[in-house]
C-alpha atoms as a PDB file:
ATOM      1  CA  MET A   1       0.000   0.000   0.000  1.00  0.00           C
ATOM      2  CA  SER A   2       1.339   3.431  -0.921  1.00  0.00           C
ATOM      3  CA  VAL A   3       0.618   5.138   2.414  1.00  0.00           C
ATOM      4  CA  SER A   4       2.578   2.597   4.435  1.00  0.00           C
ATOM      5  CA  ASP A   5       5.375   2.719   1.862  1.00  0.00           C
ATOM      6  CA  ALA A   6       5.410   6.523   2.068  1.00  0.00           C
ATOM      7  CA  MET A   7       5.544   6.395   5.873  1.00  0.00           C
ATOM      8  CA  ARG A   8       8.431   3.929   5.675  1.00  0.00           C
ATOM      9  CA  GLU A   9      10.336   6.293   3.353  1.00  0.00           C
ATOM     10  CA  ILE A  10       9.667   9.228   5.699  1.00  0.00           C
ATOM     11  CA  GLN A  11      11.031   7.249   8.640  1.00  0.00           C
ATOM     12  CA  ALA A  12      14.133   6.317   6.657  1.00  0.00           C
ATOM     13  CA  ILE A  13      14.818   9.959   5.775  1.00  0.00           C
ATOM     14  CA  LYS A  14      14.170  11.118   9.331  1.00  0.00           C
ATOM     15  CA  SER A  15      16.562   8.534  10.751  1.00  0.00           C
ATOM     16  CA  LEU A  16      19.296   9.635   8.328  1.00  0.00           C
ATOM     17  CA  ILE A  17      19.055  13.397   8.801  1.00  0.00           C
ATOM     18  CA  GLY A  18      17.506  13.574  12.263  1.00  0.00           C
ATOM     19  CA  PRO A  19      20.859  13.707  14.067  1.00  0.00           C
ATOM     20  CA  TYR A  20      21.662  16.910  12.151  1.00  0.00           C
ATOM     21  CA  GLU A  21      18.472  18.784  12.993  1.00  0.00           C
ATOM     22  CA  TYR A  22      20.186  21.139  15.442  1.00  0.00           C
ATOM     23  CA  TYR A  23      23.282  21.669  13.306  1.00  0.00           C
ATOM     24  CA  SER A  24      21.711  22.472   9.960  1.00  0.00           C
ATOM     25  CA  TYR A  25      18.858  24.809   9.058  1.00  0.00           C
ATOM     26  CA  GLU A  26      18.202  22.728   5.942  1.00  0.00           C
ATOM     27  CA  ALA A  27      17.930  19.500   7.930  1.00  0.00           C
ATOM     28  CA  ARG A  28      15.520  21.129  10.382  1.00  0.00           C
ATOM     29  CA  ARG A  29      13.395  22.492   7.548  1.00  0.00           C
ATOM     30  CA  ALA A  30      13.266  19.109   5.775  1.00  0.00           C
ATOM     31  CA  LEU A  31      12.338  17.343   9.021  1.00  0.00           C
ATOM     32  CA  ASN A  32       9.526  19.830   9.680  1.00  0.00           C
ATOM     33  CA  VAL A  33       8.156  19.195   6.191  1.00  0.00           C
ATOM     34  CA  LEU A  34       8.308  15.442   6.789  1.00  0.00           C
ATOM     35  CA  ARG A  35       6.529  15.728  10.162  1.00  0.00           C
ATOM     36  CA  ASP A  36       3.736  17.776   8.619  1.00  0.00           C
ATOM     37  CA  LEU A  37       3.505  15.323   5.738  1.00  0.00           C
ATOM     38  CA  GLU A  38       3.138  12.439   8.192  1.00  0.00           C
ATOM     39  CA  ARG A  39       0.135  14.175   9.748  1.00  0.00           C
ATOM     40  CA  ALA A  40      -1.421  14.748   6.318  1.00  0.00           C
ATOM     41  CA  LEU A  41      -0.919  11.085   5.435  1.00  0.00           C
ATOM     42  CA  GLU A  42      -2.493   9.969   8.711  1.00  0.00           C
ATOM     43  CA  ARG A  43      -5.576  12.060   7.866  1.00  0.00           C
ATOM     44  CA  MET A  44      -5.395  11.073   4.183  1.00  0.00           C
ATOM     45  CA  ASP A  45      -5.828  14.747   3.305  1.00  0.00           C
ATOM     46  CA  LYS A  46      -5.170  14.525  -0.436  1.00  0.00           C
ATOM     47  CA  GLU A  47      -5.155  18.290  -0.959  1.00  0.00           C
ATOM     48  CA  SER A  48      -2.434  18.736   1.665  1.00  0.00           C
ATOM     49  CA  ILE A  49      -0.526  15.779   0.264  1.00  0.00           C
ATOM     50  CA  LYS A  50      -0.597  17.422  -3.181  1.00  0.00           C
ATOM     51  CA  ARG A  51       0.964  20.558  -1.677  1.00  0.00           C
ATOM     52  CA  PHE A  52       3.661  18.472   0.010  1.00  0.00           C
ATOM     53  CA  ILE A  53       4.675  16.950  -3.323  1.00  0.00           C
ATOM     54  CA  ASN A  54       6.385  20.257  -4.161  1.00  0.00           C
ATOM     55  CA  ASP A  55       8.017  20.425  -0.736  1.00  0.00           C
ATOM     56  CA  VAL A  56       9.409  16.904  -1.072  1.00  0.00           C
ATOM     57  CA  ALA A  57      10.677  17.711  -4.557  1.00  0.00           C
ATOM     58  CA  ASN A  58      12.517  20.702  -3.055  1.00  0.00           C
ATOM     59  CA  ILE A  59      14.365  18.541  -0.525  1.00  0.00           C
ATOM     60  CA  GLU A  60      17.039  17.996  -3.154  1.00  0.00           C
ATOM     61  CA  GLU A  61      17.608  21.755  -3.283  1.00  0.00           C
ATOM     62  CA  LEU A  62      17.893  21.900   0.503  1.00  0.00           C
ATOM     63  CA  ALA A  63      20.471  19.128   0.401  1.00  0.00           C
ATOM     64  CA  ALA A  64      22.601  20.768  -2.301  1.00  0.00           C
ATOM     65  CA  PRO A  65      25.320  22.082   0.063  1.00  0.00           C
ATOM     66  CA  TYR A  66      25.705  18.599   1.553  1.00  0.00           C
ATOM     67  CA  ARG A  67      25.782  16.504  -1.634  1.00  0.00           C
ATOM     68  CA  GLY A  68      28.452  13.852  -1.615  1.00  0.00           C
ATOM     69  CA  TYR A  69      27.912  12.738   1.968  1.00  0.00           C
ATOM     70  CA  THR A  70      26.741   9.132   1.908  1.00  0.00           C
ATOM     71  CA  PHE A  71      23.839   9.662   4.313  1.00  0.00           C
ATOM     72  CA  VAL A  72      22.609  12.657   2.279  1.00  0.00           C
ATOM     73  CA  GLU A  73      22.687  10.685  -0.963  1.00  0.00           C
ATOM     74  CA  GLU A  74      20.806   7.845   0.732  1.00  0.00           C
ATOM     75  CA  ALA A  75      18.223  10.295   2.111  1.00  0.00           C
ATOM     76  CA  LEU A  76      17.757  11.737  -1.393  1.00  0.00           C
ATOM     77  CA  THR A  77      17.161   8.246  -2.778  1.00  0.00           C
ATOM     78  CA  HIS A  78      14.441   7.774  -0.164  1.00  0.00           C
ATOM     79  CA  ALA A  79      13.021  11.225  -0.974  1.00  0.00           C
ATOM     80  CA  ARG A  80      12.687  10.294  -4.651  1.00  0.00           C
ATOM     81  CA  GLU A  81      10.870   7.091  -3.714  1.00  0.00           C
ATOM     82  CA  LEU A  82       8.668   9.066  -1.318  1.00  0.00           C
ATOM     83  CA  LEU A  83       7.791  11.441  -4.140  1.00  0.00           C
ATOM     84  CA  ASN A  84       6.726   8.483  -6.306  1.00  0.00           C
ATOM     85  CA  GLN A  85       4.583   7.097  -3.473  1.00  0.00           C
ATOM     86  CA  LEU A  86       2.900  10.479  -2.903  1.00  0.00           C
ATOM     87  CA  LYS A  87       2.060  10.767  -6.594  1.00  0.00           C
ATOM     88  CA  ARG A  88       0.460   7.315  -6.450  1.00  0.00           C
ATOM     89  CA  ILE A  89      -1.579   8.291  -3.399  1.00  0.00           C
ATOM     90  CA  VAL A  90      -3.039  11.403  -5.013  1.00  0.00           C
ATOM     91  CA  GLY A  91      -3.396   9.716  -8.392  1.00  0.00           C
ATOM     92  CA  GLU A  92      -0.913  11.733 -10.427  1.00  0.00           C
END
């Protein structure tokens, strides 16, 4: 199911960048987006989920200064999969 897959991807990203929340503005911003997205997924609020598709797509921009670090590249792989799952959920 796409929702459980999306939640699994969110957890993977959060576990990778969570330790950096207090050291990096970009990590904190991405984690806040992911927390809000989790709430939208729990409510199955498709309109909110559609808005989060853009936010998830922008995670790659937030990560730009940190590209090359293994954990960042892994988080971006999960973010791309999350984006695919969100598109399935809203039917895009």
